[in-house]
């Protein structure tokens, strides 16, 4: 995956978001995988003296799959229906085996892309269909231009060229890491710190 040539400040409100507002979302929390934490730590250590980037706390590493809607618009009792629809759509799906290796500069993050990307594309499609079954397709947030199929290492704090960040990532020698992901989580998401943090509502076990 090629590096972006420019980065833009990540600390801004996305459409509809504001302080204190929360939303339902499907995601893969990845902060509890020691080998992935070590890989991220190696890159974050290499980036420690590079100005203009805030490291992502390792406990909040994740891959966002699908936003469902704001909690003040989707009644809390619909979460049971979301989980039921998600389990139906993911019936027979196997636990994920995701590999992370080379860091890359994206427009709004320094990131570790996950491979194979096609596995996440299929999972995202199934969860979007499950969510549409409950809240309707028209009510779902639009699909983003840049899908989140990576773990973010750091976020830019200003607009500017990406050359120094790209050089730092390219010069950091690491070994690839493969993690097994057995579950998909339904969470209550907040962006009060301009980064995704969440409270877990429930999970769907893959392979059941």
C-alpha atoms as a PDB file:
ATOM      1  CA  UNK A   1       0.000   0.000   0.000  1.00  0.00           C
ATOM      2  CA  UNK A   2       1.580   3.357  -1.006  1.00  0.00           C
ATOM      3  CA  UNK A   3       2.094   6.178   1.481  1.00  0.00           C
ATOM      4  CA  UNK A   4      -0.100   9.258   1.244  1.00  0.00           C
ATOM      5  CA  UNK A   5       1.795  12.392   0.266  1.00  0.00           C
ATOM      6  CA  UNK A   6      -0.131  14.683   2.638  1.00  0.00           C
ATOM      7  CA  UNK A   7      -1.802  14.267   6.016  1.00  0.00           C
ATOM      8  CA  UNK A   8      -4.655  16.273   7.546  1.00  0.00           C
ATOM      9  CA  UNK A   9      -5.525  17.078  11.129  1.00  0.00           C
ATOM     10  CA  UNK A  10      -7.529  14.205  12.615  1.00  0.00           C
ATOM     11  CA  UNK A  11      -8.936  16.276  15.499  1.00  0.00           C
ATOM     12  CA  UNK A  12     -12.205  17.484  14.030  1.00  0.00           C
ATOM     13  CA  UNK A  13     -15.831  16.524  14.457  1.00  0.00           C
ATOM     14  CA  UNK A  14     -17.318  14.180  11.870  1.00  0.00           C
ATOM     15  CA  UNK A  15     -20.838  14.938  10.580  1.00  0.00           C
ATOM     16  CA  UNK A  16     -23.377  14.632  13.380  1.00  0.00           C
ATOM     17  CA  UNK A  17     -20.825  14.110  16.143  1.00  0.00           C
ATOM     18  CA  UNK A  18     -20.418  16.475  19.101  1.00  0.00           C
ATOM     19  CA  UNK A  19     -19.117  16.370  22.657  1.00  0.00           C
ATOM     20  CA  UNK A  20     -20.970  13.787  24.734  1.00  0.00           C
ATOM     21  CA  UNK A  21     -22.782  12.191  21.791  1.00  0.00           C
ATOM     22  CA  UNK A  22     -22.422   8.435  21.350  1.00  0.00           C
ATOM     23  CA  UNK A  23     -23.288   5.942  18.649  1.00  0.00           C
ATOM     24  CA  UNK A  24     -23.680   2.220  18.117  1.00  0.00           C
ATOM     25  CA  UNK A  25     -21.041   0.466  16.020  1.00  0.00           C
ATOM     26  CA  UNK A  26     -19.572  -2.899  15.140  1.00  0.00           C
ATOM     27  CA  UNK A  27     -15.815  -3.223  15.598  1.00  0.00           C
ATOM     28  CA  UNK A  28     -12.901  -5.538  16.320  1.00  0.00           C
ATOM     29  CA  UNK A  29     -11.051  -4.554  19.522  1.00  0.00           C
ATOM     30  CA  UNK A  30      -7.391  -5.558  19.127  1.00  0.00           C
ATOM     31  CA  UNK A  31      -5.656  -4.041  22.126  1.00  0.00           C
ATOM     32  CA  UNK A  32      -5.540  -7.318  24.065  1.00  0.00           C
ATOM     33  CA  UNK A  33      -3.206  -9.089  21.597  1.00  0.00           C
ATOM     34  CA  UNK A  34       0.318  -8.902  23.104  1.00  0.00           C
ATOM     35  CA  UNK A  35       2.107  -9.547  19.807  1.00  0.00           C
ATOM     36  CA  UNK A  36       0.186  -6.766  18.054  1.00  0.00           C
ATOM     37  CA  UNK A  37       0.813  -4.404  20.967  1.00  0.00           C
ATOM     38  CA  UNK A  38       4.536  -5.120  20.650  1.00  0.00           C
ATOM     39  CA  UNK A  39       4.482  -4.405  16.913  1.00  0.00           C
ATOM     40  CA  UNK A  40       2.592  -1.144  17.453  1.00  0.00           C
ATOM     41  CA  UNK A  41       4.954  -0.205  20.280  1.00  0.00           C
ATOM     42  CA  UNK A  42       7.977  -0.625  18.001  1.00  0.00           C
ATOM     43  CA  UNK A  43       6.511   1.803  15.495  1.00  0.00           C
ATOM     44  CA  UNK A  44       5.362   4.259  18.146  1.00  0.00           C
ATOM     45  CA  UNK A  45       8.842   4.241  19.702  1.00  0.00           C
ATOM     46  CA  UNK A  46      10.370   5.013  16.295  1.00  0.00           C
ATOM     47  CA  UNK A  47       7.894   7.899  15.908  1.00  0.00           C
ATOM     48  CA  UNK A  48       8.509   9.335  19.391  1.00  0.00           C
ATOM     49  CA  UNK A  49      10.567  12.328  18.182  1.00  0.00           C
ATOM     50  CA  UNK A  50       8.446  13.089  15.117  1.00  0.00           C
ATOM     51  CA  UNK A  51       6.333  16.207  15.767  1.00  0.00           C
ATOM     52  CA  UNK A  52       2.754  16.533  14.590  1.00  0.00           C
ATOM     53  CA  UNK A  53       1.416  13.095  15.528  1.00  0.00           C
ATOM     54  CA  UNK A  54      -0.430  11.816  18.617  1.00  0.00           C
ATOM     55  CA  UNK A  55       0.062   8.101  19.372  1.00  0.00           C
ATOM     56  CA  UNK A  56      -3.072   6.017  19.782  1.00  0.00           C
ATOM     57  CA  UNK A  57      -3.204   4.349  23.233  1.00  0.00           C
ATOM     58  CA  UNK A  58      -2.589   0.652  22.702  1.00  0.00           C
ATOM     59  CA  UNK A  59      -5.693  -0.373  24.655  1.00  0.00           C
ATOM     60  CA  UNK A  60      -7.870   1.378  22.049  1.00  0.00           C
ATOM     61  CA  UNK A  61      -6.394  -0.342  18.988  1.00  0.00           C
ATOM     62  CA  UNK A  62      -9.228  -1.613  16.813  1.00  0.00           C
ATOM     63  CA  UNK A  63     -10.735  -1.941  13.364  1.00  0.00           C
ATOM     64  CA  UNK A  64     -14.044  -0.137  12.923  1.00  0.00           C
ATOM     65  CA  UNK A  65     -16.374  -2.219  10.766  1.00  0.00           C
ATOM     66  CA  UNK A  66     -19.745  -0.473  10.612  1.00  0.00           C
ATOM     67  CA  UNK A  67     -21.404   2.432  12.383  1.00  0.00           C
ATOM     68  CA  UNK A  68     -25.112   1.859  13.028  1.00  0.00           C
ATOM     69  CA  UNK A  69     -26.482   5.168  14.297  1.00  0.00           C
ATOM     70  CA  UNK A  70     -26.461   7.589  17.203  1.00  0.00           C
ATOM     71  CA  UNK A  71     -27.776   6.312  20.515  1.00  0.00           C
ATOM     72  CA  UNK A  72     -30.235   9.213  20.717  1.00  0.00           C
ATOM     73  CA  UNK A  73     -31.750   8.096  17.407  1.00  0.00           C
ATOM     74  CA  UNK A  74     -31.639   4.291  17.708  1.00  0.00           C
ATOM     75  CA  UNK A  75     -33.626   3.017  20.732  1.00  0.00           C
ATOM     76  CA  UNK A  76     -31.529   0.932  23.119  1.00  0.00           C
ATOM     77  CA  UNK A  77     -33.978  -1.977  22.823  1.00  0.00           C
ATOM     78  CA  UNK A  78     -32.951  -2.322  19.165  1.00  0.00           C
ATOM     79  CA  UNK A  79     -29.540  -3.629  20.238  1.00  0.00           C
ATOM     80  CA  UNK A  80     -30.992  -7.093  20.858  1.00  0.00           C
ATOM     81  CA  UNK A  81     -32.371  -7.076  17.314  1.00  0.00           C
ATOM     82  CA  UNK A  82     -28.994  -5.918  15.972  1.00  0.00           C
ATOM     83  CA  UNK A  83     -27.235  -8.792  17.704  1.00  0.00           C
ATOM     84  CA  UNK A  84     -29.826 -11.290  16.449  1.00  0.00           C
ATOM     85  CA  UNK A  85     -29.483 -10.010  12.883  1.00  0.00           C
ATOM     86  CA  UNK A  86     -25.690  -9.994  13.154  1.00  0.00           C
ATOM     87  CA  UNK A  87     -25.607 -13.595  14.367  1.00  0.00           C
ATOM     88  CA  UNK A  88     -27.884 -14.658  11.526  1.00  0.00           C
ATOM     89  CA  UNK A  89     -25.730 -12.917   8.894  1.00  0.00           C
ATOM     90  CA  UNK A  90     -22.469 -14.281  10.369  1.00  0.00           C
ATOM     91  CA  UNK A  91     -23.721 -17.809  10.934  1.00  0.00           C
ATOM     92  CA  UNK A  92     -20.964 -20.155   9.820  1.00  0.00           C
ATOM     93  CA  UNK A  93     -18.327 -17.416   9.571  1.00  0.00           C
ATOM     94  CA  UNK A  94     -14.907 -18.519  10.801  1.00  0.00           C
ATOM     95  CA  UNK A  95     -12.689 -16.681  13.282  1.00  0.00           C
ATOM     96  CA  UNK A  96     -10.422 -14.201  11.529  1.00  0.00           C
ATOM     97  CA  UNK A  97      -6.691 -14.621  10.973  1.00  0.00           C
ATOM     98  CA  UNK A  98      -5.318 -11.118  10.343  1.00  0.00           C
ATOM     99  CA  UNK A  99      -1.699 -10.257   9.574  1.00  0.00           C
ATOM    100  CA  UNK A 100      -0.082  -6.882  10.260  1.00  0.00           C
ATOM    101  CA  UNK A 101       3.368  -5.803   9.118  1.00  0.00           C
ATOM    102  CA  UNK A 102       4.441  -2.658   7.284  1.00  0.00           C
ATOM    103  CA  UNK A 103       3.255   0.688   8.620  1.00  0.00           C
ATOM    104  CA  UNK A 104       1.779   3.122   6.111  1.00  0.00           C
ATOM    105  CA  UNK A 105       0.862   6.817   6.055  1.00  0.00           C
ATOM    106  CA  UNK A 106      -2.843   7.374   5.391  1.00  0.00           C
ATOM    107  CA  UNK A 107      -4.415  10.836   5.081  1.00  0.00           C
ATOM    108  CA  UNK A 108      -5.607  10.802   8.697  1.00  0.00           C
ATOM    109  CA  UNK A 109      -3.465   8.193  10.411  1.00  0.00           C
ATOM    110  CA  UNK A 110      -0.215   6.308  10.563  1.00  0.00           C
ATOM    111  CA  UNK A 111      -1.522   2.781  10.355  1.00  0.00           C
ATOM    112  CA  UNK A 112      -0.983  -0.955  10.167  1.00  0.00           C
ATOM    113  CA  UNK A 113      -3.105  -2.347   7.312  1.00  0.00           C
ATOM    114  CA  UNK A 114      -4.712  -5.720   7.969  1.00  0.00           C
ATOM    115  CA  UNK A 115      -4.370  -8.600   5.542  1.00  0.00           C
ATOM    116  CA  UNK A 116      -6.245 -10.121   3.894  1.00  0.00           C
ATOM    117  CA  UNK A 117      -8.360  -7.028   3.244  1.00  0.00           C
ATOM    118  CA  UNK A 118     -11.024  -9.095   1.472  1.00  0.00           C
ATOM    119  CA  UNK A 119     -11.943 -10.837   4.732  1.00  0.00           C
ATOM    120  CA  UNK A 120     -12.757  -7.491   6.336  1.00  0.00           C
ATOM    121  CA  UNK A 121     -14.638  -6.304   3.267  1.00  0.00           C
ATOM    122  CA  UNK A 122     -16.899  -9.351   3.451  1.00  0.00           C
ATOM    123  CA  UNK A 123     -17.388  -9.004   7.197  1.00  0.00           C
ATOM    124  CA  UNK A 124     -18.250  -5.319   6.854  1.00  0.00           C
ATOM    125  CA  UNK A 125     -20.772  -6.089   4.108  1.00  0.00           C
ATOM    126  CA  UNK A 126     -22.504  -8.725   6.257  1.00  0.00           C
ATOM    127  CA  UNK A 127     -22.720  -6.387   9.245  1.00  0.00           C
ATOM    128  CA  UNK A 128     -24.040  -3.530   7.135  1.00  0.00           C
ATOM    129  CA  UNK A 129     -26.771  -5.825   5.825  1.00  0.00           C
ATOM    130  CA  UNK A 130     -27.558  -6.973   9.380  1.00  0.00           C
ATOM    131  CA  UNK A 131     -27.763  -3.372  10.578  1.00  0.00           C
ATOM    132  CA  UNK A 132     -29.992  -2.412   7.646  1.00  0.00           C
ATOM    133  CA  UNK A 133     -32.324  -5.265   8.579  1.00  0.00           C
ATOM    134  CA  UNK A 134     -32.940  -3.480  11.897  1.00  0.00           C
ATOM    135  CA  UNK A 135     -32.620   0.273  11.278  1.00  0.00           C
ATOM    136  CA  UNK A 136     -33.089   0.304   7.448  1.00  0.00           C
ATOM    137  CA  UNK A 137     -30.421   1.094   4.873  1.00  0.00           C
ATOM    138  CA  UNK A 138     -31.548   4.713   4.598  1.00  0.00           C
ATOM    139  CA  UNK A 139     -30.908   5.287   8.311  1.00  0.00           C
ATOM    140  CA  UNK A 140     -27.368   3.906   8.262  1.00  0.00           C
ATOM    141  CA  UNK A 141     -24.438   6.315   8.077  1.00  0.00           C
ATOM    142  CA  UNK A 142     -23.095   6.481   4.500  1.00  0.00           C
ATOM    143  CA  UNK A 143     -20.178   4.216   3.725  1.00  0.00           C
ATOM    144  CA  UNK A 144     -16.929   6.177   4.139  1.00  0.00           C
ATOM    145  CA  UNK A 145     -14.723   7.069   1.196  1.00  0.00           C
ATOM    146  CA  UNK A 146     -11.784   5.453   2.988  1.00  0.00           C
ATOM    147  CA  UNK A 147     -12.791   2.213   4.684  1.00  0.00           C
ATOM    148  CA  UNK A 148     -11.181   1.410   8.022  1.00  0.00           C
ATOM    149  CA  UNK A 149      -9.253  -1.803   7.363  1.00  0.00           C
ATOM    150  CA  UNK A 150      -6.266  -0.931   9.493  1.00  0.00           C
ATOM    151  CA  UNK A 151      -5.115  -0.352  13.057  1.00  0.00           C
ATOM    152  CA  UNK A 152      -4.193   3.273  13.694  1.00  0.00           C
ATOM    153  CA  UNK A 153      -0.816   3.917  15.345  1.00  0.00           C
ATOM    154  CA  UNK A 154      -0.963   7.723  15.505  1.00  0.00           C
ATOM    155  CA  UNK A 155      -3.123  10.593  14.276  1.00  0.00           C
ATOM    156  CA  UNK A 156      -1.875  13.799  12.624  1.00  0.00           C
ATOM    157  CA  UNK A 157      -2.375  16.958  14.652  1.00  0.00           C
ATOM    158  CA  UNK A 158      -1.952  19.312  11.675  1.00  0.00           C
ATOM    159  CA  UNK A 159      -2.164  19.388   7.897  1.00  0.00           C
ATOM    160  CA  UNK A 160       1.133  18.919   6.115  1.00  0.00           C
ATOM    161  CA  UNK A 161       3.519  16.753   4.106  1.00  0.00           C
ATOM    162  CA  UNK A 162       3.865  13.075   4.985  1.00  0.00           C
ATOM    163  CA  UNK A 163       7.471  12.576   3.831  1.00  0.00           C
ATOM    164  CA  UNK A 164       9.112  12.414   7.274  1.00  0.00           C
ATOM    165  CA  UNK A 165       6.476  10.085   8.683  1.00  0.00           C
ATOM    166  CA  UNK A 166       6.762   7.820   5.624  1.00  0.00           C
ATOM    167  CA  UNK A 167      10.554   7.726   5.955  1.00  0.00           C
ATOM    168  CA  UNK A 168      10.332   6.843   9.650  1.00  0.00           C
ATOM    169  CA  UNK A 169       7.868   4.021   9.071  1.00  0.00           C
ATOM    170  CA  UNK A 170       9.877   2.637   6.140  1.00  0.00           C
ATOM    171  CA  UNK A 171      13.098   2.661   8.177  1.00  0.00           C
ATOM    172  CA  UNK A 172      11.561   0.712  11.071  1.00  0.00           C
ATOM    173  CA  UNK A 173      12.375  -2.987  10.701  1.00  0.00           C
ATOM    174  CA  UNK A 174       9.714  -5.254  12.190  1.00  0.00           C
ATOM    175  CA  UNK A 175       8.501  -8.806  11.807  1.00  0.00           C
ATOM    176  CA  UNK A 176       4.938  -9.528  10.646  1.00  0.00           C
ATOM    177  CA  UNK A 177       2.375 -10.492  13.262  1.00  0.00           C
ATOM    178  CA  UNK A 178      -0.709 -12.663  12.798  1.00  0.00           C
ATOM    179  CA  UNK A 179      -3.537 -12.558  15.321  1.00  0.00           C
ATOM    180  CA  UNK A 180      -6.646 -14.669  15.682  1.00  0.00           C
ATOM    181  CA  UNK A 181      -9.835 -12.669  16.146  1.00  0.00           C
ATOM    182  CA  UNK A 182     -12.712 -14.853  17.380  1.00  0.00           C
ATOM    183  CA  UNK A 183     -15.405 -12.232  17.969  1.00  0.00           C
ATOM    184  CA  UNK A 184     -17.138  -9.165  16.566  1.00  0.00           C
ATOM    185  CA  UNK A 185     -18.267  -6.576  19.118  1.00  0.00           C
ATOM    186  CA  UNK A 186     -21.314  -4.320  19.250  1.00  0.00           C
ATOM    187  CA  UNK A 187     -20.254  -1.208  21.160  1.00  0.00           C
ATOM    188  CA  UNK A 188     -21.363   2.231  22.255  1.00  0.00           C
ATOM    189  CA  UNK A 189     -18.824   4.501  20.605  1.00  0.00           C
ATOM    190  CA  UNK A 190     -17.632   7.942  21.693  1.00  0.00           C
ATOM    191  CA  UNK A 191     -15.293  10.398  19.978  1.00  0.00           C
ATOM    192  CA  UNK A 192     -14.948  12.975  22.747  1.00  0.00           C
ATOM    193  CA  UNK A 193     -11.142  12.777  22.446  1.00  0.00           C
ATOM    194  CA  UNK A 194     -11.292  12.798  18.623  1.00  0.00           C
ATOM    195  CA  UNK A 195     -10.426   9.116  18.604  1.00  0.00           C
ATOM    196  CA  UNK A 196     -12.637   6.065  18.941  1.00  0.00           C
ATOM    197  CA  UNK A 197     -13.271   4.849  22.493  1.00  0.00           C
ATOM    198  CA  UNK A 198     -16.119   2.559  23.469  1.00  0.00           C
ATOM    199  CA  UNK A 199     -18.157   0.609  25.964  1.00  0.00           C
ATOM    200  CA  UNK A 200     -18.815  -3.020  24.976  1.00  0.00           C
ATOM    201  CA  UNK A 201     -22.487  -3.999  24.772  1.00  0.00           C
ATOM    202  CA  UNK A 202     -22.122  -7.596  23.545  1.00  0.00           C
ATOM    203  CA  UNK A 203     -20.219  -9.750  21.097  1.00  0.00           C
ATOM    204  CA  UNK A 204     -20.825 -12.291  18.370  1.00  0.00           C
ATOM    205  CA  UNK A 205     -18.600 -15.348  18.499  1.00  0.00           C
ATOM    206  CA  UNK A 206     -17.391 -16.380  15.061  1.00  0.00           C
ATOM    207  CA  UNK A 207     -17.378 -20.067  14.204  1.00  0.00           C
ATOM    208  CA  UNK A 208     -20.544 -20.898  16.151  1.00  0.00           C
END
